[in-house]
Amino acid sequence: LKQFLDQKSINCVVDVGAFSGGFASVLRSSGFKGTIISFEPVPSSYVLLQQHMGHDPLWSGHQYGLSDTSGESVINTYSHGDFNSLLVLKPDAQAAYGIDPSRHDRIGIQLRRLDEVLPVLLANVSAPRLFMKMDTQGHDVKVMIGAAGVMDWIVGLQSELPAVQCYRGMPGMSEALQQYATYGFVPIGFYPVNTFHASQITPEFDVLFSRYDGSLTGH
């Protein structure tokens, strides 16, 4: 990822589904010095995100989620906060990941389209070249649809795609790949998020995408 950001001259990372800020913190520790814009709608997670942001002047956080429409919605929260989702986690997945079903809750949040908010947030970024990381537990495709108006700024992206659909109604991997291809992005790396060693099944992959300009040589 660091090599990709350097090679593509990325000057801004859009961190969608930031949770507590772990991804952005890794970017900083690996040497990324550009702008980071994080989005996290769950209040308890946003507090942790703010703590990780500290006094970093180029890292901003926003307490709403991204989608294909703007407005109010309801998010499912779980005993493991990194499973929070607009979708419902299936019972077998809850059992497999050790989720306490008694701590499932639903809270109201705000959603925005990225193309509605990003132009203002990028006011101080000259000639933006964006990398968008999405980790929304089954909602990544709708985040992309909501970015249609700023798609020309996005050079690369990372999306968490399912080999096993752990949430009800989430798009499968093939559907997501096809959707991203319509915007001109091709996958360049598949990285297992976790593997259940007893079954050797990897339910999810972080997939790195690059914009394809029609040339395989990169010129």
Protein backbone atom coordinates (compact mmCIF):
# COMPACT_ATOMS: atom_id res chain seq x y z
CA LEU A 1 0.00 0.00 0.00
CA LYS A 2 2.81 2.43 0.86
CA GLN A 3 4.44 1.71 -2.49
CA PHE A 4 1.13 2.34 -4.28
CA LEU A 5 0.54 5.65 -2.50
CA ASP A 6 4.05 6.82 -3.36
CA GLN A 7 3.94 5.62 -6.96
CA LYS A 8 0.59 7.26 -7.64
CA SER A 9 1.50 10.53 -5.86
CA ILE A 10 -1.50 10.27 -3.55
CA ASN A 11 -1.92 13.46 -1.54
CA CYS A 12 -5.18 12.65 0.28
CA VAL A 13 -6.65 9.49 1.81
CA VAL A 14 -10.39 9.25 2.39
CA ASP A 15 -10.87 6.86 5.30
CA VAL A 16 -14.46 5.54 5.19
CA GLY A 17 -15.55 3.48 8.17
CA ALA A 18 -12.65 4.72 10.24
CA PHE A 19 -13.77 3.03 13.49
CA SER A 20 -11.08 4.03 16.02
CA GLY A 21 -8.55 5.34 13.48
CA GLY A 22 -6.32 2.29 13.16
CA PHE A 23 -5.93 2.46 9.38
CA ALA A 24 -4.98 6.13 9.37
CA SER A 25 -2.55 5.58 12.23
CA VAL A 26 -0.80 2.88 10.19
CA LEU A 27 -0.58 5.30 7.26
CA ARG A 28 1.12 7.88 9.44
CA SER A 29 3.54 5.35 10.96
CA SER A 30 4.46 4.18 7.45
CA GLY A 31 5.39 7.72 6.42
CA PHE A 32 2.30 9.10 4.65
CA LYS A 33 2.35 12.86 5.17
CA GLY A 34 -0.68 13.94 3.14
CA THR A 35 -4.22 14.83 4.13
CA ILE A 36 -6.41 12.19 5.80
CA ILE A 37 -10.20 12.61 6.00
CA SER A 38 -11.89 10.05 8.26
CA PHE A 39 -15.60 9.26 8.50
CA GLU A 40 -17.07 7.37 11.48
CA PRO A 41 -20.78 7.63 12.40
CA VAL A 42 -20.91 5.70 15.70
CA PRO A 43 -20.41 8.11 18.65
CA SER A 44 -18.37 5.74 20.86
CA SER A 45 -16.05 4.88 17.96
CA TYR A 46 -15.76 8.54 16.99
CA VAL A 47 -14.46 9.38 20.47
CA LEU A 48 -11.68 6.81 20.00
CA LEU A 49 -10.98 8.21 16.53
CA GLN A 50 -10.53 11.70 17.95
CA GLN A 51 -8.04 10.35 20.49
CA HIS A 52 -5.98 8.76 17.72
CA MET A 53 -6.13 11.91 15.60
CA GLY A 54 -4.57 13.90 18.42
CA HIS A 55 -3.24 17.22 17.17
CA ASP A 56 -2.46 16.06 13.62
CA PRO A 57 -3.28 19.17 11.54
CA LEU A 58 -3.73 17.20 8.33
CA TRP A 59 -6.06 14.55 9.76
CA SER A 60 -9.72 15.48 10.18
CA GLY A 61 -12.64 13.38 11.43
CA HIS A 62 -16.35 13.64 10.66
CA GLN A 63 -19.13 11.99 12.64
CA TYR A 64 -21.35 10.68 9.86
CA GLY A 65 -21.33 7.76 7.49
CA LEU A 66 -21.16 7.68 3.70
CA SER A 67 -23.68 6.10 1.35
CA ASP A 68 -25.46 6.58 -1.99
CA THR A 69 -28.02 8.92 -0.40
CA SER A 70 -27.93 11.59 2.30
CA GLY A 71 -30.21 11.53 5.32
CA GLU A 72 -30.90 9.75 8.57
CA SER A 73 -30.41 6.01 9.04
CA VAL A 74 -29.97 3.35 11.72
CA ILE A 75 -26.79 1.38 12.31
CA ASN A 76 -26.41 -1.99 14.05
CA THR A 77 -23.78 -2.00 16.79
CA TYR A 78 -22.18 -5.11 18.26
CA SER A 79 -19.99 -6.14 21.17
CA HIS A 80 -17.01 -5.91 18.78
CA GLY A 81 -17.24 -2.40 17.37
CA ASP A 82 -15.43 -3.21 14.15
CA PHE A 83 -18.51 -5.25 13.12
CA ASN A 84 -20.88 -2.26 13.36
CA SER A 85 -22.88 -2.06 10.14
CA LEU A 86 -25.98 -0.70 8.46
CA LEU A 87 -26.64 -4.37 7.72
CA VAL A 88 -27.45 -7.18 10.17
CA LEU A 89 -24.70 -9.68 11.02
CA LYS A 90 -25.94 -13.23 10.48
CA PRO A 91 -26.22 -15.45 13.59
CA ASP A 92 -23.62 -17.97 12.37
CA ALA A 93 -21.14 -15.15 11.78
CA GLN A 94 -21.82 -13.75 15.25
CA ALA A 95 -21.05 -17.16 16.74
CA ALA A 96 -17.92 -17.63 14.63
CA TYR A 97 -16.48 -14.25 15.64
CA GLY A 98 -17.47 -14.49 19.31
CA ILE A 99 -20.02 -11.67 19.17
CA ASP A 100 -22.24 -11.37 22.25
CA PRO A 101 -25.80 -11.30 20.79
CA SER A 102 -27.17 -9.67 23.94
CA ARG A 103 -25.15 -6.54 23.19
CA HIS A 104 -26.66 -5.92 19.75
CA ASP A 105 -28.13 -2.42 19.55
CA ARG A 106 -29.45 -0.02 16.91
CA ILE A 107 -28.69 3.70 16.97
CA GLY A 108 -29.57 6.61 14.72
CA ILE A 109 -26.85 8.11 12.53
CA GLN A 110 -26.41 10.59 9.70
CA LEU A 111 -25.39 9.58 6.17
CA ARG A 112 -23.96 11.73 3.39
CA ARG A 113 -22.93 11.24 -0.22
CA LEU A 114 -19.19 11.74 -0.61
CA ASP A 115 -19.62 13.89 -3.70
CA GLU A 116 -21.77 16.30 -1.66
CA VAL A 117 -19.26 16.87 1.13
CA LEU A 118 -15.84 16.25 -0.38
CA PRO A 119 -15.38 19.44 -2.45
CA VAL A 120 -15.61 21.55 0.71
CA LEU A 121 -13.37 19.20 2.70
CA LEU A 122 -10.71 19.37 -0.03
CA ALA A 123 -10.67 23.17 -0.22
CA ASN A 124 -7.05 23.26 0.95
CA VAL A 125 -5.81 20.32 -1.15
CA SER A 126 -4.28 21.42 -4.43
CA ALA A 127 -4.76 19.07 -7.43
CA PRO A 128 -6.27 16.25 -5.32
CA ARG A 129 -5.16 12.69 -6.05
CA LEU A 130 -7.22 10.51 -3.74
CA PHE A 131 -6.99 7.04 -2.31
CA MET A 132 -10.27 5.86 -0.77
CA LYS A 133 -10.25 3.14 1.87
CA MET A 134 -13.65 1.61 2.59
CA ASP A 135 -14.39 -0.68 5.53
CA THR A 136 -18.14 -0.36 6.09
CA GLN A 137 -19.08 -4.00 6.73
CA GLY A 138 -21.09 -4.64 3.58
CA HIS A 139 -21.88 -1.08 2.48
CA ASP A 140 -18.81 -0.27 0.36
CA VAL A 141 -20.58 -0.48 -3.01
CA LYS A 142 -23.12 2.16 -1.97
CA VAL A 143 -20.29 4.39 -0.75
CA MET A 144 -18.79 4.17 -4.25
CA ILE A 145 -22.10 5.09 -5.86
CA GLY A 146 -22.24 8.16 -3.63
CA ALA A 147 -18.78 9.17 -4.84
CA ALA A 148 -19.81 9.33 -8.51
CA GLY A 149 -19.47 13.11 -8.71
CA VAL A 150 -15.86 13.12 -7.49
CA MET A 151 -14.73 9.89 -9.15
CA ASP A 152 -12.20 11.68 -11.36
CA TRP A 153 -10.18 12.58 -8.26
CA ILE A 154 -9.91 8.96 -7.05
CA VAL A 155 -6.75 7.20 -8.25
CA GLY A 156 -6.97 4.06 -6.13
CA LEU A 157 -9.08 2.43 -3.48
CA GLN A 158 -9.28 -0.37 -0.96
CA SER A 159 -12.50 -2.24 -0.27
CA GLU A 160 -13.28 -5.12 2.09
CA LEU A 161 -14.96 -7.76 -0.08
CA PRO A 162 -16.64 -10.97 1.08
CA ALA A 163 -15.88 -14.51 0.02
CA VAL A 164 -18.62 -15.42 2.52
CA GLN A 165 -21.50 -12.95 2.92
CA CYS A 166 -21.64 -12.55 6.71
CA TYR A 167 -24.24 -9.76 6.64
CA ARG A 168 -27.79 -10.03 5.35
CA GLY A 169 -28.19 -8.36 1.99
CA MET A 170 -24.53 -7.49 1.41
CA PRO A 171 -23.23 -7.56 -2.19
CA GLY A 172 -21.09 -10.57 -3.05
CA MET A 173 -17.50 -10.25 -4.22
CA SER A 174 -18.32 -10.69 -7.92
CA GLU A 175 -21.04 -8.02 -7.77
CA ALA A 176 -18.70 -5.56 -6.06
CA LEU A 177 -15.88 -6.22 -8.52
CA GLN A 178 -18.23 -5.62 -11.41
CA GLN A 179 -19.49 -2.36 -9.89
CA TYR A 180 -15.97 -1.04 -9.33
CA ALA A 181 -15.04 -2.00 -12.89
CA THR A 182 -17.81 0.25 -14.21
CA TYR A 183 -15.95 3.15 -12.58
CA GLY A 184 -12.65 2.10 -14.16
CA PHE A 185 -10.96 0.29 -11.25
CA VAL A 186 -9.21 -3.08 -11.49
CA PRO A 187 -8.03 -5.19 -8.52
CA ILE A 188 -4.27 -5.41 -8.06
CA GLY A 189 -4.07 -7.28 -4.76
CA PHE A 190 -6.20 -9.51 -2.51
CA TYR A 191 -5.20 -9.64 1.17
CA PRO A 192 -6.93 -11.99 3.67
CA VAL A 193 -8.52 -10.17 6.61
CA ASN A 194 -8.86 -13.32 8.68
CA THR A 195 -8.88 -17.09 8.20
CA PHE A 196 -10.64 -19.78 10.21
CA HIS A 197 -7.89 -22.37 10.32
CA ALA A 198 -10.14 -25.32 11.17
CA SER A 199 -12.05 -24.88 7.91
CA GLN A 200 -9.35 -22.95 5.97
CA ILE A 201 -12.05 -20.46 4.97
CA THR A 202 -11.21 -16.77 4.60
CA PRO A 203 -14.52 -14.87 4.78
CA GLU A 204 -13.16 -11.44 3.80
CA PHE A 205 -10.37 -9.88 1.78
CA ASP A 206 -9.04 -6.33 1.68
CA VAL A 207 -8.79 -5.70 -2.06
CA LEU A 208 -6.54 -2.99 -3.48
CA PHE A 209 -7.70 -1.34 -6.72
CA SER A 210 -6.03 0.95 -9.23
CA ARG A 211 -7.67 3.09 -11.87
CA TYR A 212 -7.20 1.50 -15.29
CA ASP A 213 -6.58 4.00 -18.06
CA GLY A 214 -6.59 1.47 -20.90
CA SER A 215 -2.83 0.94 -20.92
CA LEU A 216 -1.12 -2.08 -19.38
CA THR A 217 2.29 -0.44 -19.50
CA GLY A 218 1.44 2.41 -17.14
CA HIS A 219 2.58 5.08 -19.62
